[in-house]
Amino acid sequence: MTDNVLAEQVGYYRSRAGEYDATAYGDVAAARVRIARLVRAMAPHGRVLELACGTGMWTEALAREAGSVHAVDAAPEAIAIARERVREGEVAFEVADVFGFRAGPAYDVVFFSAWLSHVPQERFEEFWRLVRDSLAPGGRVLFVDEHVDEQPKEAFVGDEVVERRLTDGRTFRIVKRFIDPPALRDRLRGLGWECRIERDGNDWILGEARIGDGRRD
């Protein structure tokens, strides 16, 4: 079932690409200002790998701060929008499924926004192994997602599956696991990560993780 939902999730974001910014952010101009502020505060310097980059709203801000950005997403329709949006900085886009992506330990920062909540529980450890394997020694993981307080807005049809509707009426199932900061910190600690998480407003959480002294293979 998980594989089927993940395939449907990719189809959803491919179909949603053209309307994503307006439906996800509402006031896109205000969102860009907020995103730029948060990215500056997180200071993603050096070589950055952005997973699930979507339409490039965060890529645009990352490119201003980082030495280079390698931005990956499974939806070619979203990548096409991102290419048009991001006009400055050293940025390379790639269409690839996040779960199958392998880059090697080349990056100072791995970044993802609104992605961790779409990783099913059974793929959690696999995903963080991928992240670990992408980091250069001393690298950082930076992420942004939705706080668990936002959970009531979704229509759950399973333990971690919600139904989403596009403006044309089509419905899709996707994985959605809102972030409970203490629970996430504890789970990552069990995988050898040290993590700090803070909130920005009522809706978003910002996280930073590094491999701790008790790194587990």
N, C-alpha and C. Protein backbone atom coordinates (compact mmCIF):
# COMPACT_ATOMS: atom_id res chain seq x y z
N MET A 1 0.82 -1.21 0.00
CA MET A 1 0.00 0.00 0.00
C MET A 1 0.86 1.25 0.00
N THR A 2 1.96 1.24 0.77
CA THR A 2 2.80 2.43 0.85
C THR A 2 3.35 2.81 -0.51
N ASP A 3 3.83 1.82 -1.27
CA ASP A 3 4.38 2.11 -2.59
C ASP A 3 3.31 2.71 -3.49
N ASN A 4 2.08 2.20 -3.40
CA ASN A 4 1.00 2.75 -4.22
C ASN A 4 0.70 4.19 -3.85
N VAL A 5 0.67 4.47 -2.55
CA VAL A 5 0.40 5.84 -2.11
C VAL A 5 1.54 6.77 -2.51
N LEU A 6 2.78 6.31 -2.40
CA LEU A 6 3.91 7.15 -2.80
C LEU A 6 3.87 7.44 -4.29
N ALA A 7 3.48 6.47 -5.10
CA ALA A 7 3.34 6.71 -6.55
C ALA A 7 2.23 7.72 -6.80
N GLU A 8 1.14 7.60 -6.06
CA GLU A 8 0.03 8.55 -6.19
C GLU A 8 0.47 9.94 -5.73
N GLN A 9 1.31 9.97 -4.72
CA GLN A 9 1.83 11.25 -4.21
C GLN A 9 2.63 11.98 -5.28
N VAL A 10 3.48 11.26 -5.99
CA VAL A 10 4.24 11.87 -7.09
C VAL A 10 3.27 12.40 -8.15
N GLY A 11 2.27 11.59 -8.50
CA GLY A 11 1.29 12.04 -9.49
C GLY A 11 0.55 13.29 -9.05
N TYR A 12 0.27 13.35 -7.76
CA TYR A 12 -0.41 14.53 -7.22
C TYR A 12 0.43 15.79 -7.40
N TYR A 13 1.69 15.72 -7.03
CA TYR A 13 2.52 16.91 -7.13
C TYR A 13 2.87 17.26 -8.58
N ARG A 14 2.90 16.27 -9.45
CA ARG A 14 3.04 16.58 -10.87
C ARG A 14 1.82 17.34 -11.38
N SER A 15 0.64 16.87 -10.99
CA SER A 15 -0.60 17.50 -11.44
C SER A 15 -0.82 18.85 -10.79
N ARG A 16 -0.31 19.02 -9.58
CA ARG A 16 -0.53 20.25 -8.83
C ARG A 16 0.49 21.35 -9.14
N ALA A 17 1.53 21.04 -9.86
CA ALA A 17 2.65 21.97 -10.02
C ALA A 17 2.20 23.37 -10.45
N GLY A 18 1.30 23.45 -11.41
CA GLY A 18 0.89 24.75 -11.92
C GLY A 18 0.11 25.59 -10.94
N GLU A 19 -0.52 24.96 -9.97
CA GLU A 19 -1.32 25.70 -8.99
C GLU A 19 -0.69 25.67 -7.60
N TYR A 20 0.47 25.04 -7.48
CA TYR A 20 1.03 24.80 -6.15
C TYR A 20 1.28 26.09 -5.37
N ASP A 21 1.95 27.05 -5.97
CA ASP A 21 2.35 28.23 -5.22
C ASP A 21 1.14 28.96 -4.65
N ALA A 22 0.12 29.14 -5.47
CA ALA A 22 -1.07 29.87 -5.02
C ALA A 22 -1.82 29.10 -3.95
N THR A 23 -1.91 27.77 -4.09
CA THR A 23 -2.70 26.99 -3.13
C THR A 23 -1.92 26.66 -1.87
N ALA A 24 -0.60 26.57 -1.96
CA ALA A 24 0.21 26.25 -0.78
C ALA A 24 0.53 27.49 0.04
N TYR A 25 0.79 28.60 -0.62
CA TYR A 25 1.27 29.79 0.07
C TYR A 25 0.25 30.91 0.15
N GLY A 26 -0.73 30.92 -0.74
CA GLY A 26 -1.69 32.02 -0.75
C GLY A 26 -1.05 33.28 -1.29
N ASP A 27 -0.56 34.13 -0.40
CA ASP A 27 0.15 35.35 -0.78
C ASP A 27 1.60 34.96 -1.10
N VAL A 28 1.88 34.76 -2.38
CA VAL A 28 3.20 34.27 -2.78
C VAL A 28 4.29 35.30 -2.48
N ALA A 29 3.99 36.57 -2.68
CA ALA A 29 4.99 37.61 -2.41
C ALA A 29 5.37 37.63 -0.94
N ALA A 30 4.39 37.53 -0.06
CA ALA A 30 4.68 37.50 1.38
C ALA A 30 5.44 36.23 1.75
N ALA A 31 5.10 35.11 1.11
CA ALA A 31 5.80 33.85 1.38
C ALA A 31 7.27 33.95 0.98
N ARG A 32 7.54 34.59 -0.13
CA ARG A 32 8.94 34.72 -0.57
C ARG A 32 9.75 35.53 0.43
N VAL A 33 9.15 36.57 1.00
CA VAL A 33 9.83 37.38 2.01
C VAL A 33 10.12 36.53 3.25
N ARG A 34 9.13 35.76 3.68
CA ARG A 34 9.31 34.90 4.85
C ARG A 34 10.37 33.84 4.59
N ILE A 35 10.32 33.22 3.44
CA ILE A 35 11.29 32.19 3.08
C ILE A 35 12.70 32.76 3.05
N ALA A 36 12.86 33.93 2.45
CA ALA A 36 14.19 34.55 2.40
C ALA A 36 14.72 34.82 3.80
N ARG A 37 13.84 35.27 4.69
CA ARG A 37 14.26 35.54 6.07
C ARG A 37 14.73 34.26 6.76
N LEU A 38 13.96 33.20 6.60
CA LEU A 38 14.30 31.95 7.28
C LEU A 38 15.58 31.34 6.72
N VAL A 39 15.75 31.40 5.42
CA VAL A 39 16.96 30.83 4.82
C VAL A 39 18.19 31.61 5.26
N ARG A 40 18.10 32.92 5.32
CA ARG A 40 19.23 33.71 5.82
C ARG A 40 19.58 33.30 7.24
N ALA A 41 18.56 33.08 8.06
CA ALA A 41 18.80 32.71 9.46
C ALA A 41 19.44 31.33 9.57
N MET A 42 19.06 30.41 8.68
CA MET A 42 19.62 29.05 8.72
C MET A 42 21.03 29.00 8.15
N ALA A 43 21.40 29.98 7.32
CA ALA A 43 22.77 30.13 6.79
C ALA A 43 23.27 28.86 6.10
N PRO A 44 22.63 28.45 5.00
CA PRO A 44 23.07 27.23 4.30
C PRO A 44 24.24 27.50 3.36
N HIS A 45 25.44 27.59 3.90
CA HIS A 45 26.61 27.93 3.09
C HIS A 45 27.24 26.68 2.47
N GLY A 46 28.10 26.92 1.48
CA GLY A 46 28.81 25.82 0.84
C GLY A 46 27.96 25.12 -0.21
N ARG A 47 28.17 23.82 -0.32
CA ARG A 47 27.46 23.00 -1.31
C ARG A 47 26.18 22.47 -0.69
N VAL A 48 25.05 22.78 -1.31
CA VAL A 48 23.75 22.44 -0.76
C VAL A 48 23.03 21.46 -1.68
N LEU A 49 22.50 20.41 -1.10
CA LEU A 49 21.59 19.50 -1.79
C LEU A 49 20.18 19.78 -1.29
N GLU A 50 19.29 20.16 -2.20
CA GLU A 50 17.89 20.39 -1.82
C GLU A 50 17.05 19.23 -2.34
N LEU A 51 16.41 18.52 -1.44
CA LEU A 51 15.55 17.40 -1.80
C LEU A 51 14.10 17.87 -1.88
N ALA A 52 13.37 17.39 -2.89
CA ALA A 52 11.97 17.76 -3.09
C ALA A 52 11.83 19.28 -3.22
N CYS A 53 12.54 19.84 -4.18
CA CYS A 53 12.61 21.30 -4.33
C CYS A 53 11.33 21.92 -4.84
N GLY A 54 10.45 21.13 -5.44
CA GLY A 54 9.18 21.67 -5.92
C GLY A 54 9.37 22.77 -6.95
N THR A 55 8.61 23.84 -6.80
CA THR A 55 8.60 24.93 -7.79
C THR A 55 9.71 25.95 -7.56
N GLY A 56 10.61 25.68 -6.63
CA GLY A 56 11.79 26.53 -6.49
C GLY A 56 11.65 27.72 -5.56
N MET A 57 10.58 27.77 -4.78
CA MET A 57 10.43 28.91 -3.86
C MET A 57 11.59 28.96 -2.86
N TRP A 58 11.99 27.80 -2.34
CA TRP A 58 13.11 27.76 -1.40
C TRP A 58 14.44 27.75 -2.13
N THR A 59 14.47 27.16 -3.31
CA THR A 59 15.71 27.13 -4.11
C THR A 59 16.18 28.55 -4.40
N GLU A 60 15.25 29.41 -4.72
CA GLU A 60 15.57 30.81 -5.03
C GLU A 60 16.32 31.46 -3.87
N ALA A 61 15.84 31.23 -2.65
CA ALA A 61 16.49 31.82 -1.48
C ALA A 61 17.80 31.11 -1.17
N LEU A 62 17.83 29.79 -1.31
CA LEU A 62 19.07 29.05 -1.07
C LEU A 62 20.19 29.51 -1.99
N ALA A 63 19.85 29.78 -3.24
CA ALA A 63 20.86 30.17 -4.22
C ALA A 63 21.56 31.47 -3.86
N ARG A 64 20.89 32.33 -3.10
CA ARG A 64 21.50 33.60 -2.69
C ARG A 64 22.50 33.42 -1.57
N GLU A 65 22.36 32.34 -0.80
CA GLU A 65 23.20 32.13 0.38
C GLU A 65 24.30 31.11 0.16
N ALA A 66 24.03 30.09 -0.65
CA ALA A 66 24.93 28.95 -0.79
C ALA A 66 25.96 29.18 -1.90
N GLY A 67 27.04 28.40 -1.83
CA GLY A 67 28.00 28.43 -2.93
C GLY A 67 27.42 27.79 -4.17
N SER A 68 26.68 26.67 -3.98
CA SER A 68 26.02 26.00 -5.09
C SER A 68 24.83 25.23 -4.54
N VAL A 69 23.85 24.97 -5.40
CA VAL A 69 22.65 24.23 -5.01
C VAL A 69 22.39 23.15 -6.06
N HIS A 70 22.21 21.92 -5.61
CA HIS A 70 21.76 20.81 -6.45
C HIS A 70 20.34 20.51 -6.00
N ALA A 71 19.36 20.85 -6.84
CA ALA A 71 17.95 20.77 -6.47
C ALA A 71 17.29 19.60 -7.19
N VAL A 72 16.65 18.72 -6.40
CA VAL A 72 16.10 17.46 -6.92
C VAL A 72 14.61 17.40 -6.63
N ASP A 73 13.84 16.93 -7.60
CA ASP A 73 12.41 16.70 -7.39
C ASP A 73 11.93 15.64 -8.36
N ALA A 74 10.90 14.88 -7.95
CA ALA A 74 10.37 13.81 -8.80
C ALA A 74 9.42 14.32 -9.87
N ALA A 75 8.97 15.58 -9.76
CA ALA A 75 7.97 16.13 -10.69
C ALA A 75 8.64 17.03 -11.73
N PRO A 76 8.76 16.59 -12.99
CA PRO A 76 9.37 17.45 -14.00
C PRO A 76 8.59 18.74 -14.22
N GLU A 77 7.28 18.72 -13.99
CA GLU A 77 6.49 19.94 -14.14
C GLU A 77 6.89 20.99 -13.11
N ALA A 78 7.18 20.55 -11.90
CA ALA A 78 7.64 21.49 -10.86
C ALA A 78 9.05 21.98 -11.16
N ILE A 79 9.91 21.09 -11.61
CA ILE A 79 11.28 21.49 -11.97
C ILE A 79 11.26 22.54 -13.07
N ALA A 80 10.37 22.40 -14.04
CA ALA A 80 10.29 23.39 -15.12
C ALA A 80 9.95 24.78 -14.58
N ILE A 81 9.04 24.85 -13.62
CA ILE A 81 8.70 26.13 -13.00
C ILE A 81 9.88 26.67 -12.21
N ALA A 82 10.56 25.78 -11.50
CA ALA A 82 11.71 26.21 -10.70
C ALA A 82 12.82 26.77 -11.59
N ARG A 83 13.05 26.14 -12.73
CA ARG A 83 14.09 26.64 -13.64
C ARG A 83 13.78 28.06 -14.09
N GLU A 84 12.53 28.35 -14.34
CA GLU A 84 12.14 29.69 -14.76
C GLU A 84 12.26 30.70 -13.61
N ARG A 85 12.01 30.24 -12.40
CA ARG A 85 12.01 31.14 -11.25
C ARG A 85 13.43 31.51 -10.81
N VAL A 86 14.32 30.54 -10.78
CA VAL A 86 15.65 30.76 -10.19
C VAL A 86 16.61 31.23 -11.28
N ARG A 87 16.96 32.49 -11.21
CA ARG A 87 17.75 33.13 -12.26
C ARG A 87 19.13 33.54 -11.80
N GLU A 88 19.47 33.29 -10.55
CA GLU A 88 20.78 33.68 -10.06
C GLU A 88 21.38 32.56 -9.23
N GLY A 89 22.70 32.62 -9.08
CA GLY A 89 23.40 31.61 -8.30
C GLY A 89 23.77 30.40 -9.14
N GLU A 90 24.58 29.54 -8.55
CA GLU A 90 25.02 28.31 -9.20
C GLU A 90 24.06 27.19 -8.80
N VAL A 91 23.09 26.90 -9.67
CA VAL A 91 22.03 25.95 -9.36
C VAL A 91 21.92 24.91 -10.47
N ALA A 92 21.88 23.65 -10.09
CA ALA A 92 21.65 22.55 -11.03
C ALA A 92 20.39 21.82 -10.60
N PHE A 93 19.46 21.64 -11.53
CA PHE A 93 18.21 20.93 -11.25
C PHE A 93 18.29 19.51 -11.81
N GLU A 94 17.62 18.60 -11.11
CA GLU A 94 17.58 17.21 -11.56
C GLU A 94 16.22 16.60 -11.23
N VAL A 95 15.63 15.94 -12.20
CA VAL A 95 14.39 15.19 -11.96
C VAL A 95 14.78 13.80 -11.47
N ALA A 96 14.39 13.49 -10.23
CA ALA A 96 14.73 12.19 -9.64
C ALA A 96 13.83 11.94 -8.46
N ASP A 97 13.48 10.68 -8.25
CA ASP A 97 12.71 10.28 -7.08
C ASP A 97 13.61 10.36 -5.85
N VAL A 98 13.15 11.03 -4.82
CA VAL A 98 13.99 11.25 -3.64
C VAL A 98 14.43 9.92 -3.03
N PHE A 99 13.54 8.95 -2.94
CA PHE A 99 13.88 7.70 -2.27
C PHE A 99 14.92 6.89 -3.04
N GLY A 100 15.02 7.12 -4.34
CA GLY A 100 16.01 6.39 -5.13
C GLY A 100 17.25 7.19 -5.44
N PHE A 101 17.31 8.43 -4.94
CA PHE A 101 18.42 9.32 -5.27
C PHE A 101 19.66 8.98 -4.46
N ARG A 102 20.80 8.95 -5.13
CA ARG A 102 22.08 8.73 -4.46
C ARG A 102 23.10 9.71 -5.00
N ALA A 103 23.71 10.48 -4.10
CA ALA A 103 24.64 11.51 -4.54
C ALA A 103 26.06 11.29 -4.05
N GLY A 104 26.24 10.57 -2.96
CA GLY A 104 27.56 10.45 -2.36
C GLY A 104 27.81 11.59 -1.38
N PRO A 105 28.85 11.48 -0.55
CA PRO A 105 29.10 12.45 0.53
C PRO A 105 29.73 13.74 0.02
N ALA A 106 28.93 14.52 -0.69
CA ALA A 106 29.48 15.68 -1.38
C ALA A 106 28.99 17.02 -0.85
N TYR A 107 28.05 17.03 0.10
CA TYR A 107 27.35 18.28 0.40
C TYR A 107 27.58 18.74 1.83
N ASP A 108 27.73 20.06 1.96
CA ASP A 108 27.88 20.67 3.27
C ASP A 108 26.54 20.77 3.98
N VAL A 109 25.47 20.88 3.19
CA VAL A 109 24.11 21.00 3.73
C VAL A 109 23.17 20.17 2.89
N VAL A 110 22.29 19.43 3.55
CA VAL A 110 21.12 18.83 2.88
C VAL A 110 19.91 19.56 3.42
N PHE A 111 19.08 20.07 2.51
CA PHE A 111 17.92 20.89 2.88
C PHE A 111 16.66 20.29 2.28
N PHE A 112 15.57 20.33 3.06
CA PHE A 112 14.27 19.98 2.49
C PHE A 112 13.17 20.74 3.23
N SER A 113 12.21 21.21 2.47
CA SER A 113 11.07 21.94 3.01
C SER A 113 9.79 21.21 2.64
N ALA A 114 8.89 21.06 3.62
CA ALA A 114 7.58 20.43 3.39
C ALA A 114 7.74 19.05 2.75
N TRP A 115 8.81 18.35 3.12
CA TRP A 115 9.05 17.02 2.58
C TRP A 115 9.02 15.94 3.66
N LEU A 116 9.62 16.20 4.81
CA LEU A 116 9.73 15.15 5.83
C LEU A 116 8.35 14.62 6.22
N SER A 117 7.35 15.48 6.22
CA SER A 117 5.99 15.05 6.58
C SER A 117 5.37 14.15 5.52
N HIS A 118 6.02 14.01 4.36
CA HIS A 118 5.54 13.10 3.31
C HIS A 118 6.33 11.80 3.26
N VAL A 119 7.21 11.60 4.23
CA VAL A 119 8.00 10.37 4.31
C VAL A 119 7.25 9.39 5.22
N PRO A 120 6.82 8.24 4.70
CA PRO A 120 6.09 7.30 5.55
C PRO A 120 6.97 6.73 6.66
N GLN A 121 6.34 6.34 7.72
CA GLN A 121 7.07 5.83 8.88
C GLN A 121 8.01 4.70 8.50
N GLU A 122 7.58 3.81 7.62
CA GLU A 122 8.41 2.65 7.28
C GLU A 122 9.62 3.01 6.43
N ARG A 123 9.63 4.23 5.87
CA ARG A 123 10.78 4.69 5.07
C ARG A 123 11.63 5.70 5.81
N PHE A 124 11.30 6.00 7.05
CA PHE A 124 11.97 7.06 7.80
C PHE A 124 13.46 6.79 7.93
N GLU A 125 13.83 5.61 8.42
CA GLU A 125 15.25 5.31 8.62
C GLU A 125 15.98 5.25 7.29
N GLU A 126 15.36 4.68 6.28
CA GLU A 126 15.96 4.64 4.94
C GLU A 126 16.26 6.05 4.43
N PHE A 127 15.29 6.95 4.63
CA PHE A 127 15.48 8.33 4.17
C PHE A 127 16.64 8.99 4.89
N TRP A 128 16.74 8.82 6.20
CA TRP A 128 17.81 9.48 6.93
C TRP A 128 19.17 8.85 6.65
N ARG A 129 19.21 7.59 6.24
CA ARG A 129 20.47 7.01 5.76
C ARG A 129 20.90 7.69 4.47
N LEU A 130 19.95 7.93 3.58
CA LEU A 130 20.24 8.64 2.33
C LEU A 130 20.81 10.02 2.63
N VAL A 131 20.19 10.71 3.57
CA VAL A 131 20.65 12.04 3.94
C VAL A 131 22.07 11.98 4.51
N ARG A 132 22.28 11.04 5.43
CA ARG A 132 23.62 10.88 6.04
C ARG A 132 24.67 10.62 4.98
N ASP A 133 24.34 9.75 4.02
CA ASP A 133 25.31 9.38 2.99
C ASP A 133 25.59 10.52 2.02
N SER A 134 24.74 11.55 2.02
CA SER A 134 24.94 12.69 1.12
C SER A 134 25.78 13.80 1.74
N LEU A 135 26.02 13.71 3.04
CA LEU A 135 26.71 14.79 3.75
C LEU A 135 28.22 14.59 3.77
N ALA A 136 28.93 15.68 3.53
CA ALA A 136 30.37 15.70 3.76
C ALA A 136 30.61 15.70 5.27
N PRO A 137 31.80 15.32 5.72
CA PRO A 137 32.10 15.35 7.16
C PRO A 137 31.81 16.72 7.76
N GLY A 138 31.11 16.73 8.88
CA GLY A 138 30.76 17.97 9.54
C GLY A 138 29.55 18.68 8.95
N GLY A 139 28.87 18.02 8.00
CA GLY A 139 27.74 18.66 7.34
C GLY A 139 26.51 18.78 8.22
N ARG A 140 25.56 19.59 7.73
CA ARG A 140 24.32 19.86 8.48
C ARG A 140 23.11 19.49 7.64
N VAL A 141 22.03 19.15 8.31
CA VAL A 141 20.73 18.97 7.68
C VAL A 141 19.83 20.10 8.16
N LEU A 142 19.20 20.80 7.25
CA LEU A 142 18.26 21.87 7.57
C LEU A 142 16.90 21.52 6.98
N PHE A 143 15.85 21.71 7.74
CA PHE A 143 14.54 21.36 7.21
C PHE A 143 13.45 22.26 7.80
N VAL A 144 12.38 22.39 7.02
CA VAL A 144 11.21 23.17 7.40
C VAL A 144 9.99 22.30 7.13
N ASP A 145 9.02 22.34 8.02
CA ASP A 145 7.82 21.54 7.80
C ASP A 145 6.68 22.10 8.65
N GLU A 146 5.56 21.37 8.67
CA GLU A 146 4.38 21.82 9.39
C GLU A 146 4.30 21.18 10.78
N HIS A 147 3.98 22.01 11.76
CA HIS A 147 3.85 21.55 13.13
C HIS A 147 2.60 20.69 13.27
N VAL A 148 2.64 19.79 14.24
CA VAL A 148 1.51 18.88 14.47
C VAL A 148 0.22 19.63 14.80
N ASP A 149 0.30 20.86 15.27
CA ASP A 149 -0.90 21.64 15.53
C ASP A 149 -1.73 21.90 14.27
N GLU A 150 -1.10 21.78 13.10
CA GLU A 150 -1.79 21.99 11.83
C GLU A 150 -2.56 20.76 11.35
N GLN A 151 -2.46 19.67 12.06
CA GLN A 151 -3.05 18.40 11.62
C GLN A 151 -4.56 18.46 11.35
N PRO A 152 -5.36 19.20 12.13
CA PRO A 152 -6.81 19.17 11.90
C PRO A 152 -7.25 19.66 10.52
N LYS A 153 -6.40 20.34 9.79
CA LYS A 153 -6.83 20.86 8.49
C LYS A 153 -6.92 19.78 7.43
N GLU A 154 -6.34 18.60 7.68
CA GLU A 154 -6.29 17.54 6.67
C GLU A 154 -7.44 16.55 6.83
N ALA A 155 -7.77 15.87 5.72
CA ALA A 155 -8.79 14.82 5.71
C ALA A 155 -8.09 13.47 5.67
N PHE A 156 -7.89 12.88 6.83
CA PHE A 156 -7.17 11.61 6.90
C PHE A 156 -8.07 10.46 6.48
N VAL A 157 -7.49 9.57 5.66
CA VAL A 157 -8.20 8.36 5.23
C VAL A 157 -7.44 7.11 5.66
N GLY A 158 -6.43 7.28 6.48
CA GLY A 158 -5.61 6.19 7.00
C GLY A 158 -4.72 6.74 8.08
N ASP A 159 -3.89 5.87 8.69
CA ASP A 159 -3.04 6.30 9.79
C ASP A 159 -2.12 7.45 9.40
N GLU A 160 -1.57 7.43 8.21
CA GLU A 160 -0.68 8.50 7.76
C GLU A 160 -0.98 8.88 6.31
N VAL A 161 -2.21 8.70 5.91
CA VAL A 161 -2.62 8.98 4.54
C VAL A 161 -3.78 9.97 4.55
N VAL A 162 -3.64 11.03 3.74
CA VAL A 162 -4.71 12.01 3.61
C VAL A 162 -5.17 12.04 2.16
N GLU A 163 -6.36 12.58 1.96
CA GLU A 163 -6.88 12.79 0.61
C GLU A 163 -6.81 14.27 0.29
N ARG A 164 -6.22 14.58 -0.84
CA ARG A 164 -6.10 15.95 -1.31
C ARG A 164 -6.89 16.11 -2.61
N ARG A 165 -7.45 17.30 -2.82
CA ARG A 165 -8.24 17.59 -4.01
C ARG A 165 -7.64 18.76 -4.77
N LEU A 166 -7.47 18.61 -6.06
CA LEU A 166 -7.00 19.69 -6.91
C LEU A 166 -8.17 20.60 -7.29
N THR A 167 -7.86 21.75 -7.84
CA THR A 167 -8.92 22.69 -8.22
C THR A 167 -9.81 22.15 -9.33
N ASP A 168 -9.31 21.17 -10.09
CA ASP A 168 -10.16 20.57 -11.13
C ASP A 168 -11.03 19.43 -10.60
N GLY A 169 -10.95 19.17 -9.30
CA GLY A 169 -11.80 18.17 -8.67
C GLY A 169 -11.17 16.80 -8.49
N ARG A 170 -10.04 16.54 -9.13
CA ARG A 170 -9.40 15.24 -8.97
C ARG A 170 -8.88 15.07 -7.54
N THR A 171 -8.96 13.85 -7.02
CA THR A 171 -8.48 13.57 -5.68
C THR A 171 -7.32 12.59 -5.73
N PHE A 172 -6.41 12.73 -4.76
CA PHE A 172 -5.22 11.90 -4.65
C PHE A 172 -4.98 11.57 -3.19
N ARG A 173 -4.40 10.42 -2.95
CA ARG A 173 -3.94 10.06 -1.61
C ARG A 173 -2.45 10.36 -1.52
N ILE A 174 -2.05 10.96 -0.41
CA ILE A 174 -0.63 11.22 -0.17
C ILE A 174 -0.32 10.90 1.30
N VAL A 175 0.96 10.70 1.57
CA VAL A 175 1.41 10.52 2.96
C VAL A 175 1.49 11.89 3.63
N LYS A 176 1.03 11.96 4.87
CA LYS A 176 1.16 13.20 5.63
C LYS A 176 1.33 12.86 7.10
N ARG A 177 2.49 13.23 7.64
CA ARG A 177 2.82 13.00 9.05
C ARG A 177 3.34 14.31 9.63
N PHE A 178 2.47 15.06 10.28
CA PHE A 178 2.84 16.35 10.84
C PHE A 178 3.94 16.17 11.90
N ILE A 179 4.72 17.22 12.08
CA ILE A 179 5.91 17.12 12.92
C ILE A 179 5.61 17.46 14.38
N ASP A 180 5.85 16.49 15.24
CA ASP A 180 5.82 16.68 16.68
C ASP A 180 7.28 16.81 17.12
N PRO A 181 7.76 18.02 17.42
CA PRO A 181 9.19 18.21 17.66
C PRO A 181 9.82 17.28 18.68
N PRO A 182 9.26 17.08 19.89
CA PRO A 182 9.93 16.17 20.84
C PRO A 182 10.03 14.74 20.30
N ALA A 183 8.98 14.27 19.64
CA ALA A 183 9.01 12.90 19.11
C ALA A 183 10.06 12.77 18.00
N LEU A 184 10.15 13.79 17.15
CA LEU A 184 11.14 13.74 16.07
C LEU A 184 12.55 13.80 16.62
N ARG A 185 12.80 14.65 17.60
CA ARG A 185 14.14 14.72 18.21
C ARG A 185 14.53 13.38 18.80
N ASP A 186 13.59 12.74 19.50
CA ASP A 186 13.89 11.44 20.12
C ASP A 186 14.19 10.38 19.07
N ARG A 187 13.41 10.36 18.01
CA ARG A 187 13.62 9.33 16.99
C ARG A 187 14.95 9.55 16.28
N LEU A 188 15.28 10.79 15.98
CA LEU A 188 16.55 11.06 15.32
C LEU A 188 17.73 10.76 16.25
N ARG A 189 17.57 11.02 17.52
CA ARG A 189 18.64 10.69 18.47
C ARG A 189 18.92 9.20 18.45
N GLY A 190 17.87 8.40 18.32
CA GLY A 190 18.05 6.96 18.24
C GLY A 190 18.77 6.51 16.99
N LEU A 191 18.81 7.36 15.97
CA LEU A 191 19.53 7.06 14.73
C LEU A 191 20.91 7.71 14.69
N GLY A 192 21.31 8.34 15.80
CA GLY A 192 22.64 8.94 15.86
C GLY A 192 22.72 10.39 15.49
N TRP A 193 21.56 11.07 15.42
CA TRP A 193 21.55 12.49 15.08
C TRP A 193 21.29 13.34 16.32
N GLU A 194 21.91 14.51 16.35
CA GLU A 194 21.55 15.53 17.33
C GLU A 194 20.75 16.59 16.58
N CYS A 195 19.61 16.95 17.13
CA CYS A 195 18.67 17.79 16.39
C CYS A 195 18.09 18.87 17.29
N ARG A 196 17.97 20.07 16.77
CA ARG A 196 17.23 21.12 17.47
C ARG A 196 16.12 21.61 16.55
N ILE A 197 14.98 21.90 17.13
CA ILE A 197 13.81 22.31 16.37
C ILE A 197 13.18 23.51 17.05
N GLU A 198 12.81 24.51 16.26
CA GLU A 198 12.09 25.66 16.80
C GLU A 198 10.92 25.97 15.88
N ARG A 199 10.02 26.82 16.36
CA ARG A 199 8.85 27.17 15.57
C ARG A 199 9.01 28.55 14.96
N ASP A 200 8.38 28.73 13.80
CA ASP A 200 8.26 30.05 13.19
C ASP A 200 6.78 30.27 12.93
N GLY A 201 6.17 31.12 13.73
CA GLY A 201 4.73 31.27 13.65
C GLY A 201 4.03 30.05 14.21
N ASN A 202 2.74 29.93 13.91
CA ASN A 202 1.96 28.81 14.42
C ASN A 202 2.03 27.57 13.54
N ASP A 203 2.54 27.75 12.31
CA ASP A 203 2.40 26.67 11.34
C ASP A 203 3.70 25.92 11.05
N TRP A 204 4.83 26.59 10.99
CA TRP A 204 6.06 25.95 10.53
C TRP A 204 7.00 25.64 11.68
N ILE A 205 7.78 24.57 11.47
CA ILE A 205 8.91 24.27 12.35
C ILE A 205 10.19 24.35 11.52
N LEU A 206 11.28 24.74 12.15
CA LEU A 206 12.60 24.78 11.53
C LEU A 206 13.51 23.84 12.30
N GLY A 207 14.19 22.97 11.59
CA GLY A 207 15.07 22.02 12.24
C GLY A 207 16.48 22.05 11.70
N GLU A 208 17.43 21.69 12.55
CA GLU A 208 18.82 21.50 12.15
C GLU A 208 19.32 20.22 12.81
N ALA A 209 19.93 19.35 12.03
CA ALA A 209 20.43 18.08 12.56
C ALA A 209 21.86 17.85 12.11
N ARG A 210 22.63 17.24 12.99
CA ARG A 210 24.00 16.84 12.70
C ARG A 210 24.22 15.43 13.25
N ILE A 211 25.15 14.73 12.65
CA ILE A 211 25.53 13.44 13.17
C ILE A 211 26.19 13.63 14.54
N GLY A 212 25.69 12.89 15.54
CA GLY A 212 26.25 13.01 16.88
C GLY A 212 27.43 12.08 17.09
N ASP A 213 27.97 12.10 18.29
CA ASP A 213 29.12 11.25 18.61
C ASP A 213 28.76 9.78 18.58
N GLY A 214 27.47 9.48 18.81
CA GLY A 214 27.03 8.10 18.83
C GLY A 214 26.49 7.65 17.50
N ARG A 215 27.12 8.05 16.41
CA ARG A 215 26.67 7.70 15.07
C ARG A 215 26.47 6.19 14.94
N ARG A 216 25.30 5.83 14.39
CA ARG A 216 24.97 4.43 14.24
C ARG A 216 24.90 4.07 12.76
N ASP A 217 25.54 2.98 12.34
CA ASP A 217 25.52 2.55 10.95
C ASP A 217 24.39 1.54 10.74
